[in-house]
Amino acid sequence: MQITTERLEDLPFLSGFLNQSGMPGLLDEHFPVHGSWQGPGYGKTAMGLLLYVLSEGKHDLYGIESCIRKSRGA
């Protein structure tokens, strides 16, 4: 018997899990954004913050912008 292991990247896995759980939609449903708000809703914003905290193991906001750029390949 041969066992093959693969590295599982955390961001796609966590993002898929949060999307399947419906967390962004629930937050958007319960906390509607103001009419002049431009950009992602509170659900996607919270999901981005949660992905950063869970992936990096840090809860400070310093460095989140560079993390997003790195994950987008920019």
N, C-alpha and C. Protein backbone atom coordinates (compact mmCIF):
# COMPACT_ATOMS: atom_id res chain seq x y z
N MET A 1 0.85 -1.17 0.00
CA MET A 1 0.00 0.00 0.00
C MET A 1 0.89 1.24 0.00
N GLN A 2 0.53 2.21 -0.84
CA GLN A 2 1.30 3.44 -0.92
C GLN A 2 0.40 4.60 -0.48
N ILE A 3 0.91 5.43 0.41
CA ILE A 3 0.17 6.59 0.91
C ILE A 3 0.81 7.84 0.34
N THR A 4 -0.01 8.67 -0.28
CA THR A 4 0.47 9.92 -0.85
C THR A 4 -0.13 11.07 -0.05
N THR A 5 0.71 12.01 0.35
CA THR A 5 0.22 13.17 1.08
C THR A 5 0.42 14.41 0.24
N GLU A 6 -0.48 15.36 0.38
CA GLU A 6 -0.38 16.62 -0.33
C GLU A 6 -0.52 17.75 0.67
N ARG A 7 0.18 18.82 0.40
CA ARG A 7 0.06 20.00 1.25
C ARG A 7 -1.27 20.70 0.94
N LEU A 8 -1.98 21.04 1.96
CA LEU A 8 -3.26 21.73 1.82
C LEU A 8 -3.06 23.18 2.21
N GLU A 9 -3.23 24.08 1.26
CA GLU A 9 -3.10 25.50 1.56
C GLU A 9 -4.27 25.92 2.44
N ASP A 10 -4.00 26.75 3.42
CA ASP A 10 -5.03 27.09 4.39
C ASP A 10 -6.06 28.10 3.88
N LEU A 11 -5.65 29.09 3.09
CA LEU A 11 -6.61 30.12 2.66
C LEU A 11 -7.75 29.57 1.80
N PRO A 12 -7.47 28.78 0.75
CA PRO A 12 -8.59 28.24 -0.02
C PRO A 12 -9.49 27.32 0.82
N PHE A 13 -8.88 26.53 1.69
CA PHE A 13 -9.67 25.62 2.53
C PHE A 13 -10.57 26.40 3.48
N LEU A 14 -10.00 27.38 4.19
CA LEU A 14 -10.79 28.17 5.15
C LEU A 14 -11.85 29.01 4.44
N SER A 15 -11.49 29.56 3.28
CA SER A 15 -12.44 30.36 2.52
C SER A 15 -13.63 29.51 2.07
N GLY A 16 -13.35 28.33 1.56
CA GLY A 16 -14.43 27.43 1.16
C GLY A 16 -15.31 27.03 2.33
N PHE A 17 -14.67 26.75 3.47
CA PHE A 17 -15.43 26.37 4.66
C PHE A 17 -16.35 27.50 5.11
N LEU A 18 -15.83 28.73 5.17
CA LEU A 18 -16.64 29.87 5.60
C LEU A 18 -17.77 30.15 4.61
N ASN A 19 -17.49 30.02 3.31
CA ASN A 19 -18.54 30.23 2.31
C ASN A 19 -19.62 29.16 2.41
N GLN A 20 -19.22 27.90 2.59
CA GLN A 20 -20.21 26.82 2.72
C GLN A 20 -21.05 26.97 3.98
N SER A 21 -20.47 27.53 5.02
CA SER A 21 -21.22 27.71 6.26
C SER A 21 -22.26 28.83 6.12
N GLY A 22 -22.11 29.68 5.11
CA GLY A 22 -23.05 30.76 4.90
C GLY A 22 -22.80 31.97 5.79
N MET A 23 -21.65 32.02 6.43
CA MET A 23 -21.35 33.10 7.36
C MET A 23 -21.42 34.49 6.73
N PRO A 24 -20.82 34.72 5.54
CA PRO A 24 -20.91 36.06 4.96
C PRO A 24 -22.35 36.50 4.69
N GLY A 25 -23.16 35.60 4.17
CA GLY A 25 -24.56 35.93 3.89
C GLY A 25 -25.36 36.22 5.14
N LEU A 26 -25.11 35.46 6.20
CA LEU A 26 -25.81 35.69 7.47
C LEU A 26 -25.46 37.06 8.04
N LEU A 27 -24.19 37.42 8.00
CA LEU A 27 -23.81 38.74 8.51
C LEU A 27 -24.42 39.85 7.66
N ASP A 28 -24.41 39.69 6.34
CA ASP A 28 -25.00 40.70 5.47
C ASP A 28 -26.51 40.81 5.70
N GLU A 29 -27.14 39.69 5.99
CA GLU A 29 -28.59 39.69 6.23
C GLU A 29 -28.94 40.40 7.53
N HIS A 30 -28.16 40.17 8.57
CA HIS A 30 -28.47 40.74 9.88
C HIS A 30 -27.89 42.13 10.09
N PHE A 31 -26.89 42.50 9.32
CA PHE A 31 -26.26 43.82 9.44
C PHE A 31 -26.16 44.45 8.05
N PRO A 32 -27.29 44.98 7.55
CA PRO A 32 -27.26 45.58 6.20
C PRO A 32 -26.35 46.81 6.18
N VAL A 33 -25.69 47.02 5.04
CA VAL A 33 -24.79 48.16 4.91
C VAL A 33 -25.57 49.42 4.58
N HIS A 34 -24.96 50.54 4.85
CA HIS A 34 -25.56 51.83 4.57
C HIS A 34 -25.69 52.00 3.06
N GLY A 35 -26.64 52.77 2.62
CA GLY A 35 -26.91 52.94 1.20
C GLY A 35 -25.75 53.51 0.40
N SER A 36 -24.89 54.31 1.03
CA SER A 36 -23.77 54.89 0.30
C SER A 36 -22.49 54.06 0.42
N TRP A 37 -22.58 52.89 1.04
CA TRP A 37 -21.42 52.02 1.20
C TRP A 37 -20.99 51.49 -0.15
N GLN A 38 -19.69 51.55 -0.42
CA GLN A 38 -19.15 51.00 -1.65
C GLN A 38 -18.12 49.95 -1.28
N GLY A 39 -18.18 48.82 -1.92
CA GLY A 39 -17.24 47.76 -1.62
C GLY A 39 -17.95 46.53 -1.09
N PRO A 40 -17.19 45.59 -0.55
CA PRO A 40 -17.80 44.36 -0.06
C PRO A 40 -18.65 44.63 1.18
N GLY A 41 -19.64 43.78 1.39
CA GLY A 41 -20.49 43.91 2.56
C GLY A 41 -19.76 43.50 3.83
N TYR A 42 -20.45 43.59 4.95
CA TYR A 42 -19.84 43.24 6.23
C TYR A 42 -19.45 41.77 6.29
N GLY A 43 -20.21 40.93 5.62
CA GLY A 43 -19.91 39.50 5.64
C GLY A 43 -18.57 39.18 4.99
N LYS A 44 -18.34 39.72 3.80
CA LYS A 44 -17.06 39.49 3.11
C LYS A 44 -15.90 40.17 3.85
N THR A 45 -16.17 41.35 4.43
CA THR A 45 -15.14 42.04 5.20
C THR A 45 -14.75 41.22 6.43
N ALA A 46 -15.74 40.72 7.14
CA ALA A 46 -15.47 39.88 8.32
C ALA A 46 -14.78 38.59 7.92
N MET A 47 -15.15 38.04 6.78
CA MET A 47 -14.53 36.82 6.31
C MET A 47 -13.05 37.06 6.01
N GLY A 48 -12.72 38.18 5.38
CA GLY A 48 -11.33 38.51 5.11
C GLY A 48 -10.53 38.65 6.39
N LEU A 49 -11.11 39.30 7.38
CA LEU A 49 -10.42 39.45 8.66
C LEU A 49 -10.24 38.10 9.36
N LEU A 50 -11.27 37.27 9.33
CA LEU A 50 -11.17 35.94 9.93
C LEU A 50 -10.12 35.09 9.22
N LEU A 51 -10.07 35.16 7.89
CA LEU A 51 -9.06 34.41 7.15
C LEU A 51 -7.66 34.84 7.55
N TYR A 52 -7.48 36.14 7.72
CA TYR A 52 -6.17 36.65 8.13
C TYR A 52 -5.81 36.14 9.53
N VAL A 53 -6.74 36.26 10.46
CA VAL A 53 -6.47 35.85 11.84
C VAL A 53 -6.20 34.35 11.92
N LEU A 54 -7.01 33.55 11.24
CA LEU A 54 -6.84 32.10 11.31
C LEU A 54 -5.59 31.64 10.57
N SER A 55 -5.27 32.29 9.47
CA SER A 55 -4.12 31.88 8.68
C SER A 55 -2.80 32.31 9.31
N GLU A 56 -2.74 33.54 9.77
CA GLU A 56 -1.50 34.10 10.30
C GLU A 56 -1.34 33.86 11.80
N GLY A 57 -2.43 33.59 12.50
CA GLY A 57 -2.35 33.39 13.94
C GLY A 57 -2.14 34.69 14.69
N LYS A 58 -2.48 35.81 14.06
CA LYS A 58 -2.33 37.12 14.69
C LYS A 58 -3.69 37.79 14.73
N HIS A 59 -3.91 38.57 15.74
CA HIS A 59 -5.19 39.28 15.82
C HIS A 59 -5.04 40.78 15.66
N ASP A 60 -3.82 41.26 15.39
CA ASP A 60 -3.64 42.69 15.15
C ASP A 60 -3.86 42.99 13.66
N LEU A 61 -4.29 44.20 13.37
CA LEU A 61 -4.60 44.56 11.99
C LEU A 61 -3.36 45.00 11.22
N TYR A 62 -2.28 45.26 11.93
CA TYR A 62 -1.05 45.66 11.26
C TYR A 62 -0.56 44.50 10.39
N GLY A 63 -0.37 44.75 9.14
CA GLY A 63 0.12 43.72 8.25
C GLY A 63 -0.95 43.02 7.44
N ILE A 64 -2.21 43.32 7.66
CA ILE A 64 -3.27 42.61 6.93
C ILE A 64 -3.25 42.99 5.45
N GLU A 65 -2.90 44.25 5.15
CA GLU A 65 -2.87 44.69 3.76
C GLU A 65 -1.81 43.94 2.96
N SER A 66 -0.63 43.76 3.55
CA SER A 66 0.42 43.03 2.85
C SER A 66 0.06 41.55 2.70
N CYS A 67 -0.66 41.00 3.66
CA CYS A 67 -1.11 39.61 3.57
C CYS A 67 -2.08 39.44 2.40
N ILE A 68 -2.97 40.39 2.23
CA ILE A 68 -3.95 40.33 1.13
C ILE A 68 -3.23 40.45 -0.21
N ARG A 69 -2.29 41.37 -0.30
CA ARG A 69 -1.53 41.53 -1.54
C ARG A 69 -0.77 40.24 -1.88
N LYS A 70 -0.17 39.63 -0.85
CA LYS A 70 0.60 38.40 -1.06
C LYS A 70 -0.31 37.26 -1.53
N SER A 71 -1.51 37.16 -0.97
CA SER A 71 -2.40 36.08 -1.36
C SER A 71 -2.97 36.27 -2.76
N ARG A 72 -3.05 37.52 -3.20
CA ARG A 72 -3.54 37.82 -4.55
C ARG A 72 -2.43 37.75 -5.59
N GLY A 73 -1.20 37.63 -5.11
CA GLY A 73 -0.07 37.54 -6.03
C GLY A 73 0.35 38.88 -6.60
N ALA A 74 -0.05 39.97 -5.94
CA ALA A 74 0.31 41.31 -6.45
C ALA A 74 1.65 41.76 -5.90
